[in-house]
Amino acid sequence: MMVENLDYNKEQKALYLLINELEIIAKDSEDLWEIESKLRLSDVMVKAFILEKDGYILPTTFGLESKDGNEAVAKALNKYIETMSLYKLENPERRWRAFQDFDVDSAEDNDVEDFFDWIEDLDDYI
């Protein structure tokens, strides 16, 4: 299904595209479904996107055995972060809610929690 045909706002469409891209990567890098990868991906999203930590550099590995898988994940995360930065969400709370939007399901019926650990409290990352 094309993202233009979905009844999502622009932030949800960006999340939909990210989750779908991660599904594609996971077909060749099944370790993307494992908790270690979920924890690493969550850490990246909190620091790079939600909190926008100054000087934070996106890592090149995410617990995947495959170099291609790690590179593809980095590319997908970077694309999402760059896209969302265009929307200028005003604060960490707003970015957090946009990222942890469980109304967004992928083409294969996965959601953000299938690839990222639940972010309970942002204070754990500050």
Protein backbone atom coordinates (compact mmCIF):
# COMPACT_ATOMS: atom_id res chain seq x y z
CA MET A 1 0.00 0.00 0.00
CA MET A 2 1.29 3.43 -0.86
CA VAL A 3 1.75 5.75 2.09
CA GLU A 4 -0.20 8.49 0.29
CA ASN A 5 -3.32 6.30 0.47
CA LEU A 6 -3.14 5.84 4.24
CA ASP A 7 -5.28 7.82 6.65
CA TYR A 8 -2.25 9.01 8.64
CA ASN A 9 -0.93 12.48 9.34
CA LYS A 10 2.57 13.35 8.09
CA GLU A 11 4.26 12.26 11.33
CA GLN A 12 2.47 8.92 11.27
CA LYS A 13 3.39 8.42 7.62
CA ALA A 14 7.07 8.92 8.48
CA LEU A 15 6.78 6.33 11.27
CA TYR A 16 4.94 3.96 8.94
CA LEU A 17 7.77 4.21 6.41
CA LEU A 18 10.39 3.59 9.12
CA ILE A 19 8.62 0.49 10.45
CA ASN A 20 8.15 -0.88 6.94
CA GLU A 21 11.82 -0.30 6.12
CA LEU A 22 12.85 -2.12 9.29
CA GLU A 23 10.59 -5.05 8.34
CA ILE A 24 12.38 -5.32 5.01
CA ILE A 25 15.78 -5.22 6.71
CA ALA A 26 14.67 -7.87 9.25
CA LYS A 27 13.97 -10.35 6.45
CA ASP A 28 17.74 -10.62 5.89
CA SER A 29 18.83 -9.63 9.41
CA GLU A 30 16.54 -11.56 11.73
CA ASP A 31 18.52 -10.42 14.76
CA LEU A 32 16.78 -7.05 14.33
CA TRP A 33 13.82 -8.61 16.20
CA GLU A 34 16.01 -9.36 19.26
CA ILE A 35 15.93 -7.32 22.46
CA GLU A 36 19.56 -6.16 22.15
CA SER A 37 18.75 -4.50 18.85
CA LYS A 38 15.52 -3.05 20.21
CA LEU A 39 17.40 -1.50 23.13
CA ARG A 40 20.05 0.00 20.86
CA LEU A 41 17.49 1.40 18.44
CA SER A 42 15.48 2.91 21.30
CA ASP A 43 18.61 4.53 22.72
CA VAL A 44 19.34 6.09 19.34
CA MET A 45 15.82 7.42 18.91
CA VAL A 46 15.76 8.97 22.36
CA LYS A 47 19.15 10.65 22.04
CA ALA A 48 19.09 11.63 18.35
CA PHE A 49 15.41 12.42 17.83
CA ILE A 50 13.39 12.80 21.02
CA LEU A 51 15.94 14.67 23.16
CA GLU A 52 18.00 16.02 20.23
CA LYS A 53 21.20 15.70 22.28
CA ASP A 54 23.86 18.12 21.08
CA GLY A 55 26.81 16.40 19.46
CA TYR A 56 25.13 13.00 19.37
CA ILE A 57 26.44 10.89 16.50
CA LEU A 58 24.34 8.07 15.13
CA PRO A 59 26.11 4.75 15.75
CA THR A 60 27.06 2.44 12.92
CA THR A 61 26.13 -0.82 14.64
CA PHE A 62 22.86 -1.92 16.20
CA GLY A 63 23.63 -5.43 17.43
CA LEU A 64 23.20 -7.04 14.02
CA GLU A 65 25.65 -9.61 12.71
CA SER A 66 25.37 -8.28 9.17
CA LYS A 67 27.32 -5.18 8.15
CA ASP A 68 24.73 -4.54 5.42
CA GLY A 69 21.94 -4.84 8.00
CA ASN A 70 23.60 -2.35 10.33
CA GLU A 71 24.13 0.08 7.43
CA ALA A 72 20.52 -0.28 6.29
CA VAL A 73 19.22 0.37 9.82
CA ALA A 74 21.42 3.47 10.15
CA LYS A 75 20.09 4.75 6.84
CA ALA A 76 16.46 4.11 7.82
CA LEU A 77 16.84 5.80 11.22
CA ASN A 78 18.64 8.75 9.70
CA LYS A 79 15.92 9.19 7.09
CA TYR A 80 13.21 9.15 9.75
CA ILE A 81 15.06 11.62 11.97
CA GLU A 82 15.73 13.97 9.06
CA THR A 83 12.12 13.79 7.90
CA MET A 84 10.74 14.42 11.38
CA SER A 85 13.12 17.35 11.92
CA LEU A 86 11.33 19.12 9.05
CA TYR A 87 8.13 19.10 11.11
CA LYS A 88 9.73 21.07 13.94
CA LEU A 89 7.96 19.34 16.80
CA GLU A 90 8.25 21.77 19.68
CA ASN A 91 9.56 19.66 22.57
CA PRO A 92 10.77 16.21 23.64
CA GLU A 93 7.35 15.20 24.94
CA ARG A 94 5.76 15.93 21.54
CA ARG A 95 8.52 14.05 19.67
CA TRP A 96 8.19 11.13 22.10
CA ARG A 97 4.45 10.87 21.49
CA ALA A 98 4.93 11.09 17.71
CA PHE A 99 7.47 8.28 17.85
CA GLN A 100 5.53 5.96 20.19
CA ASP A 101 2.32 6.14 18.18
CA PHE A 102 0.62 2.75 18.42
CA ASP A 103 -2.07 3.79 15.95
CA VAL A 104 0.51 3.22 13.21
CA ASP A 105 0.71 -0.32 11.87
CA SER A 106 2.96 -1.44 9.07
CA ALA A 107 1.95 -3.34 5.97
CA GLU A 108 2.70 -6.56 7.89
CA ASP A 109 0.82 -5.36 10.99
CA ASN A 110 3.85 -4.51 13.11
CA ASP A 111 4.13 -1.37 15.20
CA VAL A 112 6.91 0.66 16.77
CA GLU A 113 7.19 -1.72 19.74
CA ASP A 114 8.15 -4.59 17.44
CA PHE A 115 11.46 -2.85 16.69
CA PHE A 116 12.00 -0.53 19.64
CA ASP A 117 11.87 -1.10 23.38
CA TRP A 118 9.05 0.68 25.18
CA ILE A 119 10.27 4.08 26.38
CA GLU A 120 8.63 4.42 29.77
CA ASP A 121 10.32 7.52 31.11
CA LEU A 122 12.53 10.00 29.30
CA ASP A 123 14.27 10.79 32.60
CA ASP A 124 16.01 7.41 32.28
CA TYR A 125 17.91 8.85 29.29
CA ILE A 126 18.71 12.33 30.58
